[in-house]
C-alpha atoms as a PDB file:
ATOM      1  CA  MET A   1      -0.247   0.372   0.216  1.00  0.00           C
ATOM      2  CA  ASP A   2       1.691   3.122  -0.880  1.00  0.00           C
ATOM      3  CA  ASN A   3       1.000   5.597   1.320  1.00  0.00           C
ATOM      4  CA  GLY A   4       2.710   8.286  -0.900  1.00  0.00           C
ATOM      5  CA  ASN A   5       2.131  12.193   0.719  1.00  0.00           C
ATOM      6  CA  ASP A   6      -0.388  10.915   3.471  1.00  0.00           C
ATOM      7  CA  VAL A   7       1.541  12.774   6.276  1.00  0.00           C
ATOM      8  CA  ARG A   8      -1.732  11.258   8.836  1.00  0.00           C
ATOM      9  CA  PRO A   9      -0.640   8.217  11.311  1.00  0.00           C
ATOM     10  CA  ARG A  10      -1.014   4.326   9.796  1.00  0.00           C
ATOM     11  CA  HIS A  11      -4.583   3.248  12.048  1.00  0.00           C
ATOM     12  CA  GLN A  12      -6.017   6.693  10.157  1.00  0.00           C
ATOM     13  CA  GLN A  13      -5.121   5.659   7.253  1.00  0.00           C
ATOM     14  CA  ILE A  14      -5.734   1.554   7.723  1.00  0.00           C
ATOM     15  CA  ALA A  15      -9.314   2.697   9.558  1.00  0.00           C
ATOM     16  CA  ALA A  16      -9.927   5.278   6.048  1.00  0.00           C
ATOM     17  CA  ASP A  17      -9.380   2.702   3.879  1.00  0.00           C
ATOM     18  CA  LEU A  18     -11.759  -0.008   5.647  1.00  0.00           C
ATOM     19  CA  ARG A  19     -14.356   2.939   5.902  1.00  0.00           C
ATOM     20  CA  ALA A  20     -14.445   3.700   2.141  1.00  0.00           C
ATOM     21  CA  GLN A  21     -14.895   0.020   1.598  1.00  0.00           C
ATOM     22  CA  ILE A  22     -17.839  -0.072   4.146  1.00  0.00           C
ATOM     23  CA  MET A  23     -19.620   2.518   2.890  1.00  0.00           C
ATOM     24  CA  ALA A  24     -19.557   1.231  -0.746  1.00  0.00           C
ATOM     25  CA  GLY A  25     -20.762  -2.189  -0.349  1.00  0.00           C
ATOM     26  CA  ASP A  26     -17.281  -3.984  -0.706  1.00  0.00           C
ATOM     27  CA  LEU A  27     -17.120  -4.440   3.162  1.00  0.00           C
ATOM     28  CA  ALA A  28     -21.271  -5.542   3.682  1.00  0.00           C
ATOM     29  CA  PRO A  29     -23.747  -5.767   6.857  1.00  0.00           C
ATOM     30  CA  GLY A  30     -22.293  -8.977   8.304  1.00  0.00           C
ATOM     31  CA  GLN A  31     -19.421  -9.681   6.491  1.00  0.00           C
ATOM     32  CA  GLN A  32     -16.868 -10.292   9.092  1.00  0.00           C
ATOM     33  CA  LEU A  33     -13.815  -8.310   8.543  1.00  0.00           C
ATOM     34  CA  PRO A  34     -10.438 -10.525   7.812  1.00  0.00           C
ATOM     35  CA  SER A  35      -9.000 -11.428  10.100  1.00  0.00           C
ATOM     36  CA  THR A  36      -6.159  -8.763  12.705  1.00  0.00           C
ATOM     37  CA  GLN A  37      -3.618 -11.106  11.425  1.00  0.00           C
ATOM     38  CA  ASN A  38      -4.633 -10.906   7.789  1.00  0.00           C
ATOM     39  CA  LEU A  39      -5.096  -7.316   7.631  1.00  0.00           C
ATOM     40  CA  VAL A  40      -1.416  -6.440   9.778  1.00  0.00           C
ATOM     41  CA  HIS A  41      -0.164  -8.587   6.690  1.00  0.00           C
ATOM     42  CA  ARG A  42      -2.669  -6.598   3.340  1.00  0.00           C
ATOM     43  CA  PHE A  43      -1.634  -3.307   5.374  1.00  0.00           C
ATOM     44  CA  SER A  44       2.065  -3.506   6.939  1.00  0.00           C
ATOM     45  CA  ALA A  45       1.388  -2.542  10.213  1.00  0.00           C
ATOM     46  CA  ALA A  46       1.680  -3.498  14.355  1.00  0.00           C
ATOM     47  CA  ASN A  47      -0.771  -5.768  15.574  1.00  0.00           C
ATOM     48  CA  ALA A  48      -1.088  -2.259  18.123  1.00  0.00           C
ATOM     49  CA  THR A  49      -1.781  -0.537  14.782  1.00  0.00           C
ATOM     50  CA  ILE A  50      -4.951  -1.834  13.637  1.00  0.00           C
ATOM     51  CA  GLN A  51      -6.184  -2.372  16.570  1.00  0.00           C
ATOM     52  CA  ARG A  52      -6.562   1.200  17.602  1.00  0.00           C
ATOM     53  CA  ALA A  53      -8.083   1.702  13.688  1.00  0.00           C
ATOM     54  CA  LEU A  54     -10.605  -1.124  14.434  1.00  0.00           C
ATOM     55  CA  THR A  55     -11.148   1.016  17.193  1.00  0.00           C
ATOM     56  CA  ALA A  56     -12.030   3.794  15.389  1.00  0.00           C
ATOM     57  CA  LEU A  57     -14.323   2.132  13.342  1.00  0.00           C
ATOM     58  CA  LYS A  58     -15.907   0.963  15.829  1.00  0.00           C
ATOM     59  CA  ARG A  59     -16.734   4.183  17.635  1.00  0.00           C
ATOM     60  CA  GLU A  60     -17.952   5.548  14.431  1.00  0.00           C
ATOM     61  CA  GLY A  61     -20.320   2.424  14.203  1.00  0.00           C
ATOM     62  CA  PHE A  62     -18.959   1.915  11.456  1.00  0.00           C
ATOM     63  CA  VAL A  63     -18.252  -2.361  13.396  1.00  0.00           C
ATOM     64  CA  TYR A  64     -17.953  -3.956  16.086  1.00  0.00           C
ATOM     65  CA  SER A  65     -16.875  -7.553  18.252  1.00  0.00           C
ATOM     66  CA  LEU A  66     -17.822 -10.648  18.865  1.00  0.00           C
ATOM     67  CA  VAL A  67     -15.412 -11.811  22.179  1.00  0.00           C
ATOM     68  CA  GLY A  68     -13.469 -14.835  20.516  1.00  0.00           C
ATOM     69  CA  LYS A  69     -14.880 -15.331  17.149  1.00  0.00           C
ATOM     70  CA  GLY A  70     -14.144 -11.270  15.057  1.00  0.00           C
ATOM     71  CA  VAL A  71     -15.005  -8.547  14.155  1.00  0.00           C
ATOM     72  CA  TYR A  72     -18.134  -7.383  11.747  1.00  0.00           C
ATOM     73  CA  VAL A  73     -18.974  -4.915   9.788  1.00  0.00           C
ATOM     74  CA  ARG A  74     -22.059  -3.277  11.432  1.00  0.00           C
ATOM     75  CA  ASP A  75     -25.320  -2.614   9.622  1.00  0.00           C
ATOM     76  CA  ARG A  76     -25.289   1.173   9.104  1.00  0.00           C
ATOM     77  CA  ARG A  77     -28.473   2.873   8.266  1.00  0.00           C
ATOM     78  CA  PRO A  78     -26.927   6.771   8.454  1.00  0.00           C
ATOM     79  CA  PHE A  79     -29.658   9.527   8.914  1.00  0.00           C
ATOM     80  CA  VAL A  80     -29.775  10.903   4.650  1.00  0.00           C
ATOM     81  CA  VAL A  81     -30.897  14.255   4.463  1.00  0.00           C
ATOM     82  CA  ASP A  82     -32.821  15.523   0.828  1.00  0.00           C
ATOM     83  CA  ALA A  83     -30.809  18.881   0.475  1.00  0.00           C
ATOM     84  CA  ALA A  84     -33.210  20.437  -1.600  1.00  0.00           C
ATOM     85  CA  THR A  85     -35.521  20.088   0.834  1.00  0.00           C
ATOM     86  CA  TYR A  86     -37.173  21.363   3.313  1.00  0.00           C
ATOM     87  CA  LEU A  87     -38.251  18.985   6.409  1.00  0.00           C
ATOM     88  CA  SER A  88     -38.427  18.689   9.712  1.00  0.00           C
ATOM     89  CA  PRO A  89     -37.254  15.325  11.261  1.00  0.00           C
ATOM     90  CA  SER A  90     -40.201  13.034  12.305  1.00  0.00           C
ATOM     91  CA  PRO A  91     -41.908  13.008  15.461  1.00  0.00           C
ATOM     92  CA  LYS A  92     -41.018   8.891  15.452  1.00  0.00           C
ATOM     93  CA  GLY A  93     -37.929   9.207  18.064  1.00  0.00           C
ATOM     94  CA  TYR A  94     -36.785  12.093  17.045  1.00  0.00           C
ATOM     95  CA  ALA A  95     -36.243  15.258  19.730  1.00  0.00           C
ATOM     96  CA  TYR A  96     -35.331  18.643  20.919  1.00  0.00           C
ATOM     97  CA  ARG A  97     -33.160  20.016  23.844  1.00  0.00           C
ATOM     98  CA  LEU A  98     -33.198  24.275  23.801  1.00  0.00           C
ATOM     99  CA  LEU A  99     -29.968  25.361  25.324  1.00  0.00           C
ATOM    100  CA  ASP A 100     -30.032  28.238  24.756  1.00  0.00           C
ATOM    101  CA  VAL A 101     -31.537  31.880  24.838  1.00  0.00           C
ATOM    102  CA  ALA A 102     -30.962  35.202  24.251  1.00  0.00           C
ATOM    103  CA  GLU A 103     -30.694  37.824  22.095  1.00  0.00           C
ATOM    104  CA  VAL A 104     -26.745  38.302  21.737  1.00  0.00           C
ATOM    105  CA  GLN A 105     -24.301  41.084  19.032  1.00  0.00           C
ATOM    106  CA  ALA A 106     -25.102  38.615  15.893  1.00  0.00           C
ATOM    107  CA  PRO A 107     -21.394  37.052  14.468  1.00  0.00           C
ATOM    108  CA  THR A 108     -20.505  38.146  10.986  1.00  0.00           C
ATOM    109  CA  GLU A 109     -22.235  35.983   9.248  1.00  0.00           C
ATOM    110  CA  ILE A 110     -25.115  35.981  10.431  1.00  0.00           C
ATOM    111  CA  SER A 111     -25.611  39.698  10.599  1.00  0.00           C
ATOM    112  CA  SER A 112     -24.866  39.572   7.369  1.00  0.00           C
ATOM    113  CA  ALA A 113     -27.517  37.383   5.758  1.00  0.00           C
ATOM    114  CA  LEU A 114     -30.226  38.957   8.513  1.00  0.00           C
ATOM    115  CA  ASP A 115     -29.000  42.263   6.772  1.00  0.00           C
ATOM    116  CA  LEU A 116     -29.369  43.525   9.603  1.00  0.00           C
ATOM    117  CA  THR A 117     -28.382  47.193  11.506  1.00  0.00           C
ATOM    118  CA  SER A 118     -25.968  48.412  12.883  1.00  0.00           C
ATOM    119  CA  ASP A 119     -26.221  47.274  15.937  1.00  0.00           C
ATOM    120  CA  GLY A 120     -26.401  44.233  15.116  1.00  0.00           C
ATOM    121  CA  HIS A 121     -28.892  42.308  17.983  1.00  0.00           C
ATOM    122  CA  ALA A 122     -30.320  38.966  17.444  1.00  0.00           C
ATOM    123  CA  ILE A 123     -32.853  36.401  19.591  1.00  0.00           C
ATOM    124  CA  LEU A 124     -30.667  33.434  19.127  1.00  0.00           C
ATOM    125  CA  ARG A 125     -32.424  29.131  20.279  1.00  0.00           C
ATOM    126  CA  GLN A 126     -29.471  27.617  20.856  1.00  0.00           C
ATOM    127  CA  ARG A 127     -31.341  23.600  20.805  1.00  0.00           C
ATOM    128  CA  LEU A 128     -30.081  19.892  20.695  1.00  0.00           C
ATOM    129  CA  LEU A 129     -31.304  16.969  18.227  1.00  0.00           C
ATOM    130  CA  SER A 130     -31.367  13.443  19.492  1.00  0.00           C
ATOM    131  CA  TYR A 131     -32.350   9.989  17.950  1.00  0.00           C
ATOM    132  CA  ASP A 132     -33.517   7.631  20.656  1.00  0.00           C
ATOM    133  CA  GLY A 133     -31.569   9.763  23.815  1.00  0.00           C
ATOM    134  CA  GLU A 134     -28.363   9.859  21.515  1.00  0.00           C
ATOM    135  CA  PRO A 135     -27.565  13.756  20.399  1.00  0.00           C
ATOM    136  CA  ILE A 136     -26.857  14.002  16.307  1.00  0.00           C
ATOM    137  CA  GLU A 137     -27.187  17.410  15.386  1.00  0.00           C
ATOM    138  CA  ILE A 138     -26.717  21.018  17.211  1.00  0.00           C
ATOM    139  CA  SER A 139     -28.053  24.152  16.016  1.00  0.00           C
ATOM    140  CA  TRP A 140     -28.386  28.044  16.514  1.00  0.00           C
ATOM    141  CA  SER A 141     -31.170  30.053  14.800  1.00  0.00           C
ATOM    142  CA  TYR A 142     -30.685  33.589  14.472  1.00  0.00           C
ATOM    143  CA  TYR A 143     -33.809  35.749  14.673  1.00  0.00           C
ATOM    144  CA  PRO A 144     -33.529  39.785  13.233  1.00  0.00           C
ATOM    145  CA  ALA A 145     -34.606  41.552  17.087  1.00  0.00           C
ATOM    146  CA  ASP A 146     -36.661  43.859  15.993  1.00  0.00           C
ATOM    147  CA  ILE A 147     -39.404  40.927  14.703  1.00  0.00           C
ATOM    148  CA  ALA A 148     -38.538  38.555  17.171  1.00  0.00           C
ATOM    149  CA  ALA A 149     -37.764  40.374  19.874  1.00  0.00           C
ATOM    150  CA  ASP A 150     -41.243  40.579  21.990  1.00  0.00           C
ATOM    151  CA  GLY A 151     -42.610  37.818  20.933  1.00  0.00           C
ATOM    152  CA  PRO A 152     -42.288  33.483  21.839  1.00  0.00           C
ATOM    153  CA  LEU A 153     -38.889  33.649  20.207  1.00  0.00           C
ATOM    154  CA  ALA A 154     -37.867  35.274  22.690  1.00  0.00           C
ATOM    155  CA  ARG A 155     -38.881  32.845  25.672  1.00  0.00           C
ATOM    156  CA  LYS A 156     -37.183  29.892  27.026  1.00  0.00           C
ATOM    157  CA  LEU A 157     -39.562  27.370  26.553  1.00  0.00           C
ATOM    158  CA  ARG A 158     -40.459  25.379  23.775  1.00  0.00           C
ATOM    159  CA  ILE A 159     -43.298  27.058  20.508  1.00  0.00           C
ATOM    160  CA  PRO A 160     -46.192  25.172  19.500  1.00  0.00           C
ATOM    161  CA  GLY A 161     -46.220  24.838  15.848  1.00  0.00           C
ATOM    162  CA  GLY A 162     -42.334  26.516  16.159  1.00  0.00           C
ATOM    163  CA  ALA A 163     -40.581  28.911  14.906  1.00  0.00           C
ATOM    164  CA  VAL A 164     -42.301  28.824  11.935  1.00  0.00           C
ATOM    165  CA  GLN A 165     -45.453  29.591  13.560  1.00  0.00           C
ATOM    166  CA  ALA A 166     -43.823  31.858  15.343  1.00  0.00           C
ATOM    167  CA  LEU A 167     -43.366  33.665  12.238  1.00  0.00           C
ATOM    168  CA  ALA A 168     -45.866  33.225  10.457  1.00  0.00           C
ATOM    169  CA  GLU A 169     -48.230  35.093  13.275  1.00  0.00           C
ATOM    170  CA  LEU A 170     -45.709  37.791  13.535  1.00  0.00           C
ATOM    171  CA  GLY A 171     -46.346  38.549   9.778  1.00  0.00           C
ATOM    172  CA  TYR A 172     -43.057  36.869   8.811  1.00  0.00           C
ATOM    173  CA  PRO A 173     -44.499  33.677   6.880  1.00  0.00           C
ATOM    174  CA  GLN A 174     -41.529  31.368   5.791  1.00  0.00           C
ATOM    175  CA  ARG A 175     -40.976  31.091   2.354  1.00  0.00           C
ATOM    176  CA  GLU A 176     -37.956  30.274   0.556  1.00  0.00           C
ATOM    177  CA  PHE A 177     -34.706  28.900   2.534  1.00  0.00           C
ATOM    178  CA  ALA A 178     -31.380  28.700   0.794  1.00  0.00           C
ATOM    179  CA  ASP A 179     -28.649  25.967   1.712  1.00  0.00           C
ATOM    180  CA  ARG A 180     -24.007  25.925   2.373  1.00  0.00           C
ATOM    181  CA  LEU A 181     -22.880  23.716   2.893  1.00  0.00           C
ATOM    182  CA  SER A 182     -19.200  22.172   4.578  1.00  0.00           C
ATOM    183  CA  ALA A 183     -17.349  20.189   6.009  1.00  0.00           C
ATOM    184  CA  ARG A 184     -13.813  21.240   9.071  1.00  0.00           C
ATOM    185  CA  LEU A 185     -12.888  18.966  12.230  1.00  0.00           C
ATOM    186  CA  PRO A 186     -15.269  20.507  15.487  1.00  0.00           C
ATOM    187  CA  THR A 187     -14.862  22.989  17.971  1.00  0.00           C
ATOM    188  CA  THR A 188     -14.500  21.549  21.120  1.00  0.00           C
ATOM    189  CA  GLU A 189     -17.833  21.967  22.480  1.00  0.00           C
ATOM    190  CA  GLU A 190     -19.619  21.120  19.751  1.00  0.00           C
ATOM    191  CA  LEU A 191     -17.175  17.827  20.145  1.00  0.00           C
ATOM    192  CA  GLU A 192     -18.483  17.294  23.468  1.00  0.00           C
ATOM    193  CA  ILE A 193     -21.818  17.966  23.321  1.00  0.00           C
ATOM    194  CA  LEU A 194     -22.482  15.444  19.951  1.00  0.00           C
ATOM    195  CA  GLY A 195     -20.436  13.405  21.444  1.00  0.00           C
ATOM    196  CA  LEU A 196     -18.039  12.509  18.653  1.00  0.00           C
ATOM    197  CA  PRO A 197     -15.161   9.914  17.877  1.00  0.00           C
ATOM    198  CA  GLU A 198     -12.098  11.236  17.879  1.00  0.00           C
ATOM    199  CA  ASP A 199     -10.938  12.705  14.563  1.00  0.00           C
ATOM    200  CA  VAL A 200     -14.834  13.036  13.460  1.00  0.00           C
ATOM    201  CA  PRO A 201     -15.293  15.847  11.143  1.00  0.00           C
ATOM    202  CA  ILE A 202     -18.446  17.866  11.153  1.00  0.00           C
ATOM    203  CA  ILE A 203     -21.564  19.060   8.371  1.00  0.00           C
ATOM    204  CA  ARG A 204     -21.566  22.463   8.563  1.00  0.00           C
ATOM    205  CA  GLN A 205     -25.231  23.376   7.387  1.00  0.00           C
ATOM    206  CA  PHE A 206     -25.564  27.109   7.228  1.00  0.00           C
ATOM    207  CA  ARG A 207     -29.133  27.956   6.352  1.00  0.00           C
ATOM    208  CA  THR A 208     -30.918  31.505   5.580  1.00  0.00           C
ATOM    209  CA  ILE A 209     -34.774  31.037   5.674  1.00  0.00           C
ATOM    210  CA  TYR A 210     -37.014  33.995   3.706  1.00  0.00           C
ATOM    211  CA  SER A 211     -39.994  35.893   4.109  1.00  0.00           C
ATOM    212  CA  ASP A 212     -42.765  37.890   1.646  1.00  0.00           C
ATOM    213  CA  ASN A 213     -40.379  40.112  -0.626  1.00  0.00           C
ATOM    214  CA  ARG A 214     -36.888  38.466   0.009  1.00  0.00           C
ATOM    215  CA  ARG A 215     -37.465  39.191   3.927  1.00  0.00           C
ATOM    216  CA  PRO A 216     -34.955  37.682   5.916  1.00  0.00           C
ATOM    217  CA  VAL A 217     -35.772  35.580   8.927  1.00  0.00           C
ATOM    218  CA  GLU A 218     -33.447  32.597  10.630  1.00  0.00           C
ATOM    219  CA  ALA A 219     -30.689  31.996   9.552  1.00  0.00           C
ATOM    220  CA  SER A 220     -29.206  29.077  11.925  1.00  0.00           C
ATOM    221  CA  VAL A 221     -25.716  26.691  11.535  1.00  0.00           C
ATOM    222  CA  LEU A 222     -26.426  24.168  11.716  1.00  0.00           C
ATOM    223  CA  VAL A 223     -23.787  20.827  12.527  1.00  0.00           C
ATOM    224  CA  LYS A 224     -24.148  17.066  12.534  1.00  0.00           C
ATOM    225  CA  GLY A 225     -20.963  14.499  13.402  1.00  0.00           C
ATOM    226  CA  ALA A 226     -20.465  13.568   9.337  1.00  0.00           C
ATOM    227  CA  HIS A 227     -20.282   9.632  10.108  1.00  0.00           C
ATOM    228  CA  LEU A 228     -23.954   9.932  10.658  1.00  0.00           C
ATOM    229  CA  TYR A 229     -25.036  11.304   8.171  1.00  0.00           C
ATOM    230  CA  GLU A 230     -25.808  11.234   4.255  1.00  0.00           C
ATOM    231  CA  LEU A 231     -26.692  13.884   1.966  1.00  0.00           C
ATOM    232  CA  ARG A 232     -29.261  13.589  -1.421  1.00  0.00           C
ATOM    233  CA  TYR A 233     -29.798  15.755  -4.096  1.00  0.00           C
ATOM    234  CA  HIS A 234     -32.370  14.889  -6.941  1.00  0.00           C
ATOM    235  CA  GLN A 235     -33.227  17.064 -10.166  1.00  0.00           C
ATOM    236  CA  ALA A 236     -34.126  16.779 -13.442  1.00  0.00           C
ATOM    237  CA  ILE A 237     -31.957  17.740 -15.421  1.00  0.00           C
ATOM    238  CA  PRO A 238     -32.952  20.383 -18.253  1.00  0.00           C
ATOM    239  CA  GLN A 239     -34.050  18.525 -21.399  1.00  0.00           C
ATOM    240  CA  PRO A 240     -32.368  20.444 -24.910  1.00  0.00           C
ATOM    241  CA  SER A 241     -34.780  22.430 -26.564  1.00  0.00           C
ATOM    242  CA  ASP A 242     -35.723  20.655 -30.099  1.00  0.00           C
END
């Protein structure tokens, strides 16, 4: 195996190779991985290095061990997010927890997205999304203070119907949204709140929601562990005219 210019620790390189095979379906759910000795020979690596690679994959949910039998590919079902559609999580198994509500000086990126005035004040609602009790996404949603400061969005309470209903009642129905997606390593706060495995990047989703006349009424940063999600895109291909 030629490592080329890959300067990552050896166990990370090996984990990456096995992870790619699992995601491609070359190592199928329920299939037993080659023995440790086989992997030692295949990757020209020490036994301890192979064990570190397998430990990383176990933490990410790709494989599991059966004592005395070996390591097997887990039947892993990622959360599939339709990136071209504005969807709320299915109620079954999902739960939101409100972490914080405050009036804040909006970060530069948020202030620009919301077209805030010079004071740059916004109402922040920070939430944690869990599935079957496990944290899977943390979000920071900002609303212009001039429309949200005196309403339910500024209260440290859950809102029946959520922000969609609250904004509609304030006279700002949500009409469209735009997303930007990127990936990076997590901050310490994100790592700890989401319980992310070591070296797992996050998907950062920056969403701006618009009301009538394209008035921006919400800007959100949503962070999720990249090992848990797949993003799906589907669009018809325009056909050439005759």
